[in-house]
Amino acid sequence: MIAWRMRQGRTTPAAQPSLSEFYRSWLERYLLLGVLLAAGLGGLKLMPLGLLSGFILGQVIWIFAPLTVEAGARDTEEK
């Protein structure tokens, strides 16, 4: 979903449409998160600790992954 929004954003040069798309993507992401967490906890009866731990770990990896990719790209350019 995020990659699709990023591809759409490349075609709009103005800042205002990009900002509105950012807010829309943010809202869609958290609505989807709420639905999936509710389905996991309520419908599928998954363990809350495991489900939330997996979510938190996924968010931490999502934050640090671009940093490691950028560092790796810099290392290969230096060689």
C-alpha atoms as a PDB file:
ATOM      1  CA  MET A   1       0.000   0.000   0.000  1.00  0.00           C
ATOM      2  CA  ILE A   2       2.817   2.395   0.874  1.00  0.00           C
ATOM      3  CA  ALA A   3       4.775   1.538  -2.277  1.00  0.00           C
ATOM      4  CA  TRP A   4       1.664   2.162  -4.381  1.00  0.00           C
ATOM      5  CA  ARG A   5       1.234   5.596  -2.788  1.00  0.00           C
ATOM      6  CA  MET A   6       4.895   6.397  -3.374  1.00  0.00           C
ATOM      7  CA  ARG A   7       4.546   5.582  -7.078  1.00  0.00           C
ATOM      8  CA  GLN A   8       1.497   7.830  -7.286  1.00  0.00           C
ATOM      9  CA  GLY A   9       3.329  10.624  -5.489  1.00  0.00           C
ATOM     10  CA  ARG A  10       6.090  10.761  -8.075  1.00  0.00           C
ATOM     11  CA  THR A  11       3.655  12.036 -10.674  1.00  0.00           C
ATOM     12  CA  THR A  12       2.404  15.039  -8.662  1.00  0.00           C
ATOM     13  CA  PRO A  13       4.959  17.865  -8.478  1.00  0.00           C
ATOM     14  CA  ALA A  14       2.961  20.240  -6.235  1.00  0.00           C
ATOM     15  CA  ALA A  15       3.427  20.100  -2.462  1.00  0.00           C
ATOM     16  CA  GLN A  16      -0.226  20.381  -1.434  1.00  0.00           C
ATOM     17  CA  PRO A  17      -1.467  17.239  -3.247  1.00  0.00           C
ATOM     18  CA  SER A  18       1.545  15.337  -1.895  1.00  0.00           C
ATOM     19  CA  LEU A  19       0.739  16.405   1.649  1.00  0.00           C
ATOM     20  CA  SER A  20      -2.891  15.373   1.306  1.00  0.00           C
ATOM     21  CA  GLU A  21      -1.765  12.001  -0.086  1.00  0.00           C
ATOM     22  CA  PHE A  22       0.561  11.625   2.898  1.00  0.00           C
ATOM     23  CA  TYR A  23      -2.297  12.180   5.336  1.00  0.00           C
ATOM     24  CA  ARG A  24      -4.551   9.841   3.383  1.00  0.00           C
ATOM     25  CA  SER A  25      -1.891   7.110   3.388  1.00  0.00           C
ATOM     26  CA  TRP A  26      -1.343   7.601   7.117  1.00  0.00           C
ATOM     27  CA  LEU A  27      -5.058   7.292   7.802  1.00  0.00           C
ATOM     28  CA  GLU A  28      -5.427   4.199   5.599  1.00  0.00           C
ATOM     29  CA  ARG A  29      -2.439   2.552   7.257  1.00  0.00           C
ATOM     30  CA  TYR A  30      -3.765   2.987  10.772  1.00  0.00           C
ATOM     31  CA  LEU A  31      -7.302   2.005   9.865  1.00  0.00           C
ATOM     32  CA  LEU A  32      -5.945  -1.179   8.288  1.00  0.00           C
ATOM     33  CA  LEU A  33      -3.806  -1.744  11.374  1.00  0.00           C
ATOM     34  CA  GLY A  34      -6.843  -1.432  13.632  1.00  0.00           C
ATOM     35  CA  VAL A  35      -8.876  -3.845  11.535  1.00  0.00           C
ATOM     36  CA  LEU A  36      -6.066  -6.415  11.370  1.00  0.00           C
ATOM     37  CA  LEU A  37      -5.333  -6.188  15.105  1.00  0.00           C
ATOM     38  CA  ALA A  38      -9.036  -6.564  15.893  1.00  0.00           C
ATOM     39  CA  ALA A  39      -9.246  -9.564  13.563  1.00  0.00           C
ATOM     40  CA  GLY A  40      -6.147 -11.133  15.107  1.00  0.00           C
ATOM     41  CA  LEU A  41      -7.212 -10.589  18.697  1.00  0.00           C
ATOM     42  CA  GLY A  42     -10.951 -11.066  18.315  1.00  0.00           C
ATOM     43  CA  GLY A  43     -11.633 -13.303  15.365  1.00  0.00           C
ATOM     44  CA  LEU A  44      -8.524 -15.469  15.252  1.00  0.00           C
ATOM     45  CA  LYS A  45      -7.952 -15.499  19.031  1.00  0.00           C
ATOM     46  CA  LEU A  46      -4.192 -14.950  18.696  1.00  0.00           C
ATOM     47  CA  MET A  47      -2.068 -14.354  21.797  1.00  0.00           C
ATOM     48  CA  PRO A  48      -2.006 -10.594  22.514  1.00  0.00           C
ATOM     49  CA  LEU A  49       1.625 -10.534  23.654  1.00  0.00           C
ATOM     50  CA  GLY A  50       2.848 -12.328  20.545  1.00  0.00           C
ATOM     51  CA  LEU A  51       0.737 -10.242  18.194  1.00  0.00           C
ATOM     52  CA  LEU A  52       1.757  -6.899  19.693  1.00  0.00           C
ATOM     53  CA  SER A  53       5.404  -7.967  20.008  1.00  0.00           C
ATOM     54  CA  GLY A  54       5.455  -8.895  16.344  1.00  0.00           C
ATOM     55  CA  PHE A  55       3.876  -5.568  15.434  1.00  0.00           C
ATOM     56  CA  ILE A  56       6.396  -3.589  17.493  1.00  0.00           C
ATOM     57  CA  LEU A  57       9.328  -5.556  16.080  1.00  0.00           C
ATOM     58  CA  GLY A  58       8.037  -4.979  12.559  1.00  0.00           C
ATOM     59  CA  GLN A  59       7.793  -1.234  13.163  1.00  0.00           C
ATOM     60  CA  VAL A  60      11.331  -1.068  14.556  1.00  0.00           C
ATOM     61  CA  ILE A  61      12.674  -2.969  11.561  1.00  0.00           C
ATOM     62  CA  TRP A  62      10.691  -0.671   9.237  1.00  0.00           C
ATOM     63  CA  ILE A  63      12.456   2.320  10.827  1.00  0.00           C
ATOM     64  CA  PHE A  64      15.995   0.923  10.735  1.00  0.00           C
ATOM     65  CA  ALA A  65      15.933  -0.904   7.374  1.00  0.00           C
ATOM     66  CA  PRO A  66      16.440   2.229   5.221  1.00  0.00           C
ATOM     67  CA  LEU A  67      19.355   3.276   7.407  1.00  0.00           C
ATOM     68  CA  THR A  68      21.169  -0.018   6.915  1.00  0.00           C
ATOM     69  CA  VAL A  69      20.482  -0.047   3.168  1.00  0.00           C
ATOM     70  CA  GLU A  70      21.851   3.497   2.871  1.00  0.00           C
ATOM     71  CA  ALA A  71      24.967   2.574   4.883  1.00  0.00           C
ATOM     72  CA  GLY A  72      25.514  -0.493   2.689  1.00  0.00           C
ATOM     73  CA  ALA A  73      25.199   1.595  -0.459  1.00  0.00           C
ATOM     74  CA  ARG A  74      27.807   4.028   0.866  1.00  0.00           C
ATOM     75  CA  ASP A  75      30.174   1.152   1.681  1.00  0.00           C
ATOM     76  CA  THR A  76      29.992  -0.257  -1.853  1.00  0.00           C
ATOM     77  CA  GLU A  77      30.564   3.191  -3.389  1.00  0.00           C
ATOM     78  CA  GLU A  78      33.752   3.636  -1.364  1.00  0.00           C
ATOM     79  CA  LYS A  79      35.285   0.354  -2.605  1.00  0.00           C
END
